[in-house]
N, C-alpha and C. Protein backbone atom coordinates (compact mmCIF):
# COMPACT_ATOMS: atom_id res chain seq x y z
N MET A 1 26.22 1.94 8.18
CA MET A 1 25.64 2.98 8.10
C MET A 1 24.07 3.00 8.98
N ASP A 2 24.28 3.93 9.77
CA ASP A 2 23.02 3.99 10.87
C ASP A 2 22.02 4.71 10.43
N ARG A 3 20.70 4.48 10.90
CA ARG A 3 19.75 5.42 10.76
C ARG A 3 19.69 6.45 11.54
N ILE A 4 19.02 7.62 11.19
CA ILE A 4 19.08 8.79 12.16
C ILE A 4 18.16 8.64 13.43
N ALA A 5 18.75 8.66 14.49
CA ALA A 5 17.93 8.52 15.93
C ALA A 5 17.47 9.65 16.47
N TYR A 6 16.45 9.47 17.48
CA TYR A 6 16.17 10.63 18.24
C TYR A 6 17.23 10.98 19.29
N PRO A 7 17.44 12.25 19.49
CA PRO A 7 16.76 13.33 19.45
C PRO A 7 17.05 14.08 18.09
N LEU A 8 18.37 13.58 17.36
CA LEU A 8 18.47 14.39 16.03
C LEU A 8 17.35 14.23 15.23
N SER A 9 16.65 13.46 15.06
CA SER A 9 15.63 13.31 13.88
C SER A 9 14.53 14.26 14.21
N HIS A 10 14.15 14.53 15.57
CA HIS A 10 13.19 15.42 15.79
C HIS A 10 13.81 16.94 15.76
N GLU A 11 14.92 17.07 16.28
CA GLU A 11 15.42 18.65 16.32
C GLU A 11 15.69 18.98 14.84
N TRP A 12 16.04 17.89 14.13
CA TRP A 12 16.42 18.39 12.83
C TRP A 12 15.14 18.82 12.00
N HIS A 13 13.94 17.95 12.19
CA HIS A 13 12.81 18.50 11.77
C HIS A 13 12.28 19.70 12.24
N VAL A 14 12.33 20.08 13.54
CA VAL A 14 12.00 21.29 14.22
C VAL A 14 12.73 22.41 13.73
N ALA A 15 14.00 22.26 13.49
CA ALA A 15 14.83 23.30 12.98
C ALA A 15 14.42 23.70 11.58
N ILE A 16 14.26 22.72 10.72
CA ILE A 16 13.62 22.98 9.40
C ILE A 16 12.21 23.74 9.30
N ASN A 17 11.57 23.30 10.17
CA ASN A 17 10.04 24.07 10.30
C ASN A 17 10.35 25.47 10.70
N ARG A 18 11.13 25.57 11.67
CA ARG A 18 11.40 27.06 12.04
C ARG A 18 11.89 27.84 11.02
N TYR A 19 12.73 27.42 10.22
CA TYR A 19 13.52 28.01 9.10
C TYR A 19 12.65 28.23 7.98
N ILE A 20 11.82 27.29 7.57
CA ILE A 20 10.76 27.26 6.52
C ILE A 20 9.75 28.44 6.73
N ASN A 21 9.24 28.54 7.95
CA ASN A 21 8.28 29.38 8.55
C ASN A 21 8.68 30.96 8.14
N ASN A 22 10.08 31.08 7.99
CA ASN A 22 10.50 32.52 7.82
C ASN A 22 10.98 32.63 6.40
N THR A 23 10.85 31.67 5.55
CA THR A 23 11.59 31.89 4.08
C THR A 23 10.58 31.36 3.09
N ASN A 24 10.98 31.08 1.99
CA ASN A 24 10.30 30.83 0.72
C ASN A 24 10.30 29.40 0.75
N TRP A 25 8.98 28.79 1.20
CA TRP A 25 8.79 27.48 1.09
C TRP A 25 9.49 26.63 -0.21
N PRO A 26 8.87 26.97 -1.36
CA PRO A 26 9.22 26.01 -2.39
C PRO A 26 10.92 25.91 -2.70
N ALA A 27 11.55 27.23 -2.51
CA ALA A 27 12.86 27.11 -2.70
C ALA A 27 13.76 26.41 -1.53
N ASN A 28 13.08 25.98 -0.41
CA ASN A 28 13.87 25.53 0.66
C ASN A 28 13.24 24.00 0.90
N ARG A 29 12.34 23.52 0.20
CA ARG A 29 11.63 22.25 0.34
C ARG A 29 12.83 21.14 0.46
N PHE A 30 14.04 21.39 -0.33
CA PHE A 30 15.20 20.55 -0.38
C PHE A 30 15.60 20.05 1.08
N MET A 31 15.28 20.95 2.13
CA MET A 31 15.97 20.58 3.46
C MET A 31 15.01 19.45 4.05
N TYR A 32 13.81 19.41 3.70
CA TYR A 32 13.18 18.23 4.17
C TYR A 32 13.42 16.86 3.29
N ASP A 33 13.84 17.05 2.03
CA ASP A 33 14.37 15.89 1.41
C ASP A 33 15.59 15.43 2.00
N ALA A 34 16.60 16.15 2.34
CA ALA A 34 17.81 15.98 3.05
C ALA A 34 17.51 15.16 4.27
N GLU A 35 16.68 15.63 4.99
CA GLU A 35 16.25 14.90 6.29
C GLU A 35 15.75 13.49 5.94
N LYS A 36 14.69 13.55 5.09
CA LYS A 36 14.14 12.24 4.71
C LYS A 36 15.28 11.35 4.21
N MET A 37 15.96 11.75 3.33
CA MET A 37 17.04 10.87 2.83
C MET A 37 18.18 10.33 3.76
N ALA A 38 18.22 11.07 4.71
CA ALA A 38 19.50 10.58 5.75
C ALA A 38 18.57 9.45 6.47
N ASP A 39 17.61 9.26 6.66
CA ASP A 39 16.90 8.07 6.92
C ASP A 39 16.64 6.93 6.30
N GLU A 40 16.12 7.36 5.14
CA GLU A 40 15.85 6.37 4.05
C GLU A 40 16.83 5.59 3.41
N ILE A 41 18.01 6.21 3.16
CA ILE A 41 19.33 5.75 2.66
C ILE A 41 19.60 4.34 3.53
N PRO A 42 19.81 4.40 4.79
CA PRO A 42 20.37 3.21 5.51
C PRO A 42 19.12 2.38 5.50
N ARG A 43 17.88 2.50 5.50
CA ARG A 43 16.88 1.69 5.42
C ARG A 43 16.62 1.04 4.23
N MET A 44 17.06 1.67 3.24
CA MET A 44 17.11 1.02 1.71
C MET A 44 18.16 0.01 1.37
N ALA A 45 19.51 0.52 2.26
CA ALA A 45 20.47 -0.45 1.89
C ALA A 45 20.29 -1.72 2.48
N ILE A 46 19.47 -1.74 3.77
CA ILE A 46 19.13 -2.99 4.58
C ILE A 46 18.08 -3.79 3.77
N LEU A 47 17.21 -2.95 2.99
CA LEU A 47 16.24 -3.61 2.16
C LEU A 47 16.81 -4.39 1.13
N PHE A 48 17.55 -3.67 0.37
CA PHE A 48 18.60 -4.11 -0.73
C PHE A 48 19.30 -5.45 -0.31
N LYS A 49 19.85 -5.50 0.92
CA LYS A 49 20.69 -6.80 1.33
C LYS A 49 19.52 -7.82 1.43
N LEU A 50 18.42 -7.62 2.28
CA LEU A 50 17.54 -8.58 2.37
C LEU A 50 17.06 -9.15 0.95
N ASP A 51 16.75 -8.41 0.14
CA ASP A 51 16.17 -8.69 -1.13
C ASP A 51 17.34 -9.52 -1.83
N ARG A 52 18.60 -9.22 -1.70
CA ARG A 52 19.82 -9.85 -2.49
C ARG A 52 19.80 -11.37 -1.74
N GLU A 53 19.57 -11.34 -0.38
CA GLU A 53 19.76 -12.71 0.24
C GLU A 53 18.50 -13.60 0.22
N ASN A 54 17.52 -13.10 -0.37
CA ASN A 54 16.06 -13.73 -0.48
C ASN A 54 15.45 -13.71 0.89
N ALA A 55 15.87 -12.81 1.69
CA ALA A 55 15.37 -12.72 3.09
C ALA A 55 14.27 -11.86 3.44
N LEU A 56 13.56 -11.26 2.66
CA LEU A 56 12.43 -10.36 2.98
C LEU A 56 11.42 -11.35 3.48
N PRO A 57 10.53 -10.64 4.52
CA PRO A 57 9.49 -11.55 5.28
C PRO A 57 8.70 -12.09 4.21
N THR A 58 8.11 -13.23 4.86
CA THR A 58 7.18 -14.11 3.89
C THR A 58 5.83 -13.98 4.41
N THR A 59 5.71 -13.15 5.50
CA THR A 59 4.32 -12.78 6.17
C THR A 59 4.02 -11.35 6.28
N HIS A 60 2.75 -11.12 6.60
CA HIS A 60 2.50 -9.69 7.01
C HIS A 60 1.48 -9.77 8.13
N GLN A 61 1.54 -9.02 9.11
CA GLN A 61 0.66 -8.88 10.19
C GLN A 61 0.33 -7.33 10.33
N GLN A 62 -0.73 -6.94 10.01
CA GLN A 62 -1.24 -5.48 10.25
C GLN A 62 -1.03 -4.88 11.63
N CYS A 63 -1.44 -5.48 12.41
CA CYS A 63 -1.30 -5.30 13.90
C CYS A 63 -1.41 -6.39 14.92
N SER A 64 -1.15 -6.22 16.17
CA SER A 64 -1.00 -7.48 16.97
C SER A 64 -2.54 -8.30 17.12
N HIS A 65 -3.62 -7.56 16.85
CA HIS A 65 -4.91 -7.96 16.73
C HIS A 65 -5.25 -8.51 15.41
N SER A 66 -4.62 -8.42 14.26
CA SER A 66 -4.67 -9.00 12.99
C SER A 66 -4.08 -10.15 12.75
N PRO A 67 -4.65 -11.16 11.90
CA PRO A 67 -4.11 -12.39 11.51
C PRO A 67 -2.80 -12.35 10.77
N VAL A 68 -1.97 -13.29 10.92
CA VAL A 68 -0.87 -13.31 9.90
C VAL A 68 -1.31 -13.85 8.54
N VAL A 69 -0.80 -13.15 7.56
CA VAL A 69 -1.15 -13.55 6.39
C VAL A 69 0.17 -13.88 5.45
N THR A 70 0.11 -14.99 4.88
CA THR A 70 1.41 -15.50 3.81
C THR A 70 1.42 -14.53 2.57
N LEU A 71 2.55 -13.79 2.40
CA LEU A 71 2.72 -12.99 1.02
C LEU A 71 3.12 -13.94 0.09
N PRO A 72 2.29 -14.08 -1.09
CA PRO A 72 2.75 -14.92 -2.16
C PRO A 72 4.21 -14.69 -2.56
N LYS A 73 4.44 -13.44 -2.86
CA LYS A 73 5.84 -13.07 -3.06
C LYS A 73 6.28 -11.72 -2.64
N ASN A 74 7.03 -11.40 -1.95
CA ASN A 74 7.67 -10.14 -1.28
C ASN A 74 8.81 -9.70 -2.15
N GLU A 75 8.63 -8.77 -2.77
CA GLU A 75 9.54 -7.94 -3.38
C GLU A 75 9.55 -6.29 -3.37
N LEU A 76 10.50 -5.79 -3.79
CA LEU A 76 10.60 -4.25 -3.46
C LEU A 76 10.26 -3.54 -4.77
N ALA A 77 9.61 -2.64 -4.36
CA ALA A 77 9.22 -1.52 -5.53
C ALA A 77 9.50 -0.19 -4.92
N CYS A 78 9.91 0.88 -5.70
CA CYS A 78 9.96 2.19 -5.17
C CYS A 78 8.66 3.00 -5.26
N CYS A 79 8.54 3.87 -4.88
CA CYS A 79 7.35 4.77 -4.56
C CYS A 79 7.02 5.36 -5.87
N MET A 80 7.87 5.10 -6.91
CA MET A 80 7.14 5.83 -8.27
C MET A 80 6.70 4.48 -9.01
N GLY A 81 6.59 3.17 -8.37
CA GLY A 81 5.91 2.05 -9.01
C GLY A 81 6.88 1.15 -9.78
N VAL A 82 7.95 1.29 -9.57
CA VAL A 82 8.97 0.32 -10.28
C VAL A 82 9.59 -0.76 -9.55
N LYS A 83 9.31 -1.86 -10.08
CA LYS A 83 9.89 -3.13 -9.29
C LYS A 83 11.57 -2.83 -9.24
N CYS A 84 11.97 -2.93 -8.15
CA CYS A 84 13.43 -2.75 -7.84
C CYS A 84 14.37 -3.67 -8.84
N ARG A 85 13.84 -4.98 -9.00
CA ARG A 85 14.70 -6.01 -9.70
C ARG A 85 14.54 -5.77 -11.25
N GLN A 86 13.78 -4.95 -11.78
CA GLN A 86 13.48 -4.65 -13.13
C GLN A 86 13.82 -3.31 -13.42
N CYS A 87 14.51 -2.44 -12.48
CA CYS A 87 15.03 -1.28 -12.72
C CYS A 87 16.15 -1.01 -13.51
N PRO A 88 16.10 -0.56 -14.59
CA PRO A 88 17.57 -0.44 -15.23
C PRO A 88 18.61 0.13 -14.70
N MET A 89 18.30 1.23 -13.92
CA MET A 89 19.44 1.89 -13.25
C MET A 89 19.96 1.04 -12.13
N LEU A 90 19.14 0.44 -11.49
CA LEU A 90 19.89 -0.61 -10.41
C LEU A 90 20.22 -1.69 -10.88
N LEU A 91 19.89 -2.31 -11.93
CA LEU A 91 20.55 -3.54 -12.70
C LEU A 91 21.99 -3.01 -13.23
N ALA A 92 21.90 -1.87 -13.63
CA ALA A 92 23.49 -1.37 -13.98
C ALA A 92 24.38 -1.50 -12.82
N LEU A 93 23.86 -1.29 -11.59
CA LEU A 93 24.89 -1.17 -10.61
C LEU A 93 25.22 -2.49 -10.06
N ASP A 94 24.32 -3.58 -10.36
CA ASP A 94 24.77 -4.90 -10.07
C ASP A 94 26.13 -5.15 -10.74
N LYS A 95 26.65 -4.61 -11.69
CA LYS A 95 27.95 -4.85 -12.59
C LYS A 95 29.04 -4.10 -11.85
N ILE A 96 28.78 -3.40 -10.96
CA ILE A 96 30.10 -2.82 -10.08
C ILE A 96 30.89 -3.93 -9.63
N GLU A 97 32.15 -3.72 -9.82
CA GLU A 97 33.24 -4.62 -9.52
C GLU A 97 34.02 -4.21 -8.40
N ARG A 98 34.79 -5.10 -7.92
CA ARG A 98 35.90 -4.75 -6.84
C ARG A 98 35.43 -4.26 -5.53
N VAL A 99 34.07 -4.69 -5.27
CA VAL A 99 33.39 -4.10 -4.05
C VAL A 99 32.65 -5.31 -3.49
N THR A 100 32.01 -4.97 -2.27
CA THR A 100 31.33 -6.05 -1.75
C THR A 100 29.82 -5.95 -1.91
N PRO A 101 29.13 -6.65 -1.97
CA PRO A 101 27.63 -6.87 -2.13
C PRO A 101 27.07 -5.90 -1.30
N ALA A 102 27.54 -5.57 0.14
CA ALA A 102 26.95 -4.43 0.75
C ALA A 102 27.26 -3.08 0.11
N ASP A 103 28.31 -3.08 -0.32
CA ASP A 103 28.82 -1.89 -1.16
C ASP A 103 27.95 -1.44 -2.38
N ILE A 104 27.44 -2.47 -2.91
CA ILE A 104 26.56 -2.35 -4.08
C ILE A 104 25.01 -1.97 -3.54
N ASP A 105 24.66 -2.42 -2.41
CA ASP A 105 23.53 -2.39 -1.93
C ASP A 105 23.26 -0.61 -1.49
N THR A 106 24.52 -0.26 -0.80
CA THR A 106 24.58 1.38 -0.45
C THR A 106 24.50 2.25 -1.82
N ALA A 107 25.38 1.70 -2.90
CA ALA A 107 25.23 2.54 -4.20
C ALA A 107 23.83 2.57 -4.56
N LYS A 108 23.40 1.31 -4.66
CA LYS A 108 21.75 1.33 -5.08
C LYS A 108 20.93 2.11 -4.26
N ALA A 109 21.03 2.35 -2.88
CA ALA A 109 20.23 3.06 -1.97
C ALA A 109 20.46 4.41 -2.41
N TRP A 110 21.41 5.09 -2.51
CA TRP A 110 21.88 6.63 -2.79
C TRP A 110 21.40 6.85 -4.18
N THR A 111 21.72 6.07 -5.22
CA THR A 111 21.07 6.18 -6.40
C THR A 111 19.61 6.33 -6.67
N CYS A 112 18.78 5.33 -5.70
CA CYS A 112 17.62 5.31 -5.89
C CYS A 112 17.06 6.52 -5.25
N ALA A 113 17.36 6.81 -4.03
CA ALA A 113 16.87 7.97 -3.38
C ALA A 113 17.33 9.39 -4.15
N ALA A 114 18.66 9.59 -4.68
CA ALA A 114 18.41 10.90 -5.64
C ALA A 114 17.54 10.80 -6.75
N HIS A 115 17.22 9.50 -7.25
CA HIS A 115 16.34 9.62 -8.40
C HIS A 115 15.06 10.22 -7.80
N ILE A 116 14.59 9.28 -6.89
CA ILE A 116 13.25 9.71 -6.41
C ILE A 116 13.13 11.32 -5.85
N VAL A 117 14.26 11.78 -5.47
CA VAL A 117 14.09 13.22 -4.82
C VAL A 117 14.11 13.98 -6.08
N SER A 118 15.03 13.60 -7.07
CA SER A 118 14.93 14.42 -8.50
C SER A 118 13.61 14.55 -9.10
N MET A 119 12.87 13.60 -8.98
CA MET A 119 11.57 13.40 -9.36
C MET A 119 10.40 13.93 -8.79
N GLY A 120 10.72 14.71 -7.45
CA GLY A 120 9.83 15.11 -6.61
C GLY A 120 9.53 14.60 -5.30
N GLY A 121 10.23 13.68 -5.08
CA GLY A 121 10.28 12.74 -3.76
C GLY A 121 9.27 11.99 -3.68
N ASP A 122 8.95 11.43 -2.33
CA ASP A 122 7.83 10.52 -1.83
C ASP A 122 6.48 11.13 -1.53
N HIS A 123 5.60 11.50 -2.65
CA HIS A 123 4.58 12.18 -2.33
C HIS A 123 3.73 11.77 -1.05
N ALA A 124 3.52 10.44 -1.13
CA ALA A 124 2.86 9.81 -0.15
C ALA A 124 3.19 9.49 1.11
N ASN A 125 4.58 9.89 1.31
CA ASN A 125 5.28 9.58 2.52
C ASN A 125 5.09 8.11 3.07
N GLU A 126 5.14 7.19 2.27
CA GLU A 126 5.14 5.76 2.50
C GLU A 126 6.48 5.07 2.69
N GLY A 127 7.49 5.92 2.20
CA GLY A 127 9.03 5.31 2.10
C GLY A 127 9.37 5.28 0.32
N PHE A 128 10.69 5.43 0.44
CA PHE A 128 11.11 5.52 -0.96
C PHE A 128 11.02 4.06 -1.68
N ILE A 129 11.37 3.15 -0.78
CA ILE A 129 11.06 1.74 -1.34
C ILE A 129 10.26 1.02 -0.45
N LEU A 130 9.37 0.20 -0.97
CA LEU A 130 8.40 -0.62 -0.32
C LEU A 130 8.39 -2.07 -0.50
N THR A 131 8.22 -2.96 0.44
CA THR A 131 8.26 -4.18 0.42
C THR A 131 6.69 -4.68 -0.09
N THR A 132 6.27 -5.72 -0.54
CA THR A 132 4.90 -6.13 -0.68
C THR A 132 4.28 -6.00 0.58
N GLY A 133 4.70 -6.36 1.75
CA GLY A 133 4.24 -6.38 3.05
C GLY A 133 3.96 -4.95 3.40
N ASP A 134 4.94 -3.86 2.95
CA ASP A 134 4.56 -2.43 3.11
C ASP A 134 3.40 -1.86 2.50
N ARG A 135 3.49 -2.51 1.04
CA ARG A 135 2.36 -2.01 0.15
C ARG A 135 0.78 -2.55 0.99
N VAL A 136 0.89 -3.93 1.49
CA VAL A 136 -0.33 -4.44 2.00
C VAL A 136 -0.80 -3.45 3.19
N PHE A 137 0.20 -3.09 4.01
CA PHE A 137 -0.15 -2.17 5.22
C PHE A 137 -0.84 -0.81 4.59
N TRP A 138 -0.06 -0.21 3.53
CA TRP A 138 -0.58 1.06 3.55
C TRP A 138 -2.04 1.06 2.83
N ASP A 139 -2.25 0.01 1.99
CA ASP A 139 -3.64 -0.32 1.49
C ASP A 139 -4.69 -0.45 2.47
N HIS A 140 -4.23 -1.28 3.52
CA HIS A 140 -5.28 -1.55 4.54
C HIS A 140 -5.54 -0.07 5.34
N VAL A 141 -4.45 0.58 5.65
CA VAL A 141 -4.46 1.97 6.24
C VAL A 141 -5.48 2.72 5.41
N TYR A 142 -5.17 2.96 3.98
CA TYR A 142 -6.21 3.69 3.17
C TYR A 142 -7.58 3.28 3.03
N GLU A 143 -7.76 1.90 3.11
CA GLU A 143 -8.96 1.08 3.23
C GLU A 143 -9.84 1.59 4.34
N SER A 144 -9.14 1.53 5.63
CA SER A 144 -9.77 1.76 6.92
C SER A 144 -10.08 3.39 6.98
N LEU A 145 -9.09 4.16 6.48
CA LEU A 145 -9.49 5.63 6.46
C LEU A 145 -10.68 5.99 5.51
N SER A 146 -10.90 5.06 4.56
CA SER A 146 -12.13 5.63 3.41
C SER A 146 -13.21 5.28 3.86
N GLN A 147 -13.35 4.24 5.03
CA GLN A 147 -14.59 3.94 5.69
C GLN A 147 -15.08 4.67 6.61
N SER A 148 -16.49 5.11 6.58
CA SER A 148 -16.98 5.97 7.52
C SER A 148 -18.23 5.23 8.17
N GLU A 149 -18.39 5.82 9.36
CA GLU A 149 -19.51 5.20 10.12
C GLU A 149 -20.82 5.73 9.53
N GLN A 150 -21.73 4.88 9.63
CA GLN A 150 -23.23 5.27 9.10
C GLN A 150 -24.11 5.68 10.50
N SER A 151 -24.74 6.98 10.58
CA SER A 151 -25.50 7.25 11.57
C SER A 151 -26.77 6.76 11.50
N PRO A 152 -27.27 6.21 12.51
CA PRO A 152 -28.61 5.61 12.36
C PRO A 152 -29.75 6.35 12.22
């Protein structure tokens, strides 16, 4: 399963914007959810695979000018704050039989995405699933945005 690539990702968003501008926004918000899910589901399946294989990155670097920091523990959590290894819905899917582990990763991605969208979506637009490194990234971004320059 591949992530949505440019130019489709861009043109899809442009077409939704054009349509939404001429219609009822709340009733058609699901079109943005569909676009988001198309990219998030393949990404989530990759993250579930990395987590299953204990291969999530162990370090984080905010940018090329920042130092590399070691993550004490890198784990997945959804944008609703639930750790994926503790989510009862995802744990239930670990019991699927007669399929490959990659198939279970895909089932988890679809289930998690549907649950998040059914609960209102990714309000902060950080991603449906975040690694600990992703959380560190966004926390640094928010900290940076909250700082203001003092005028002399």
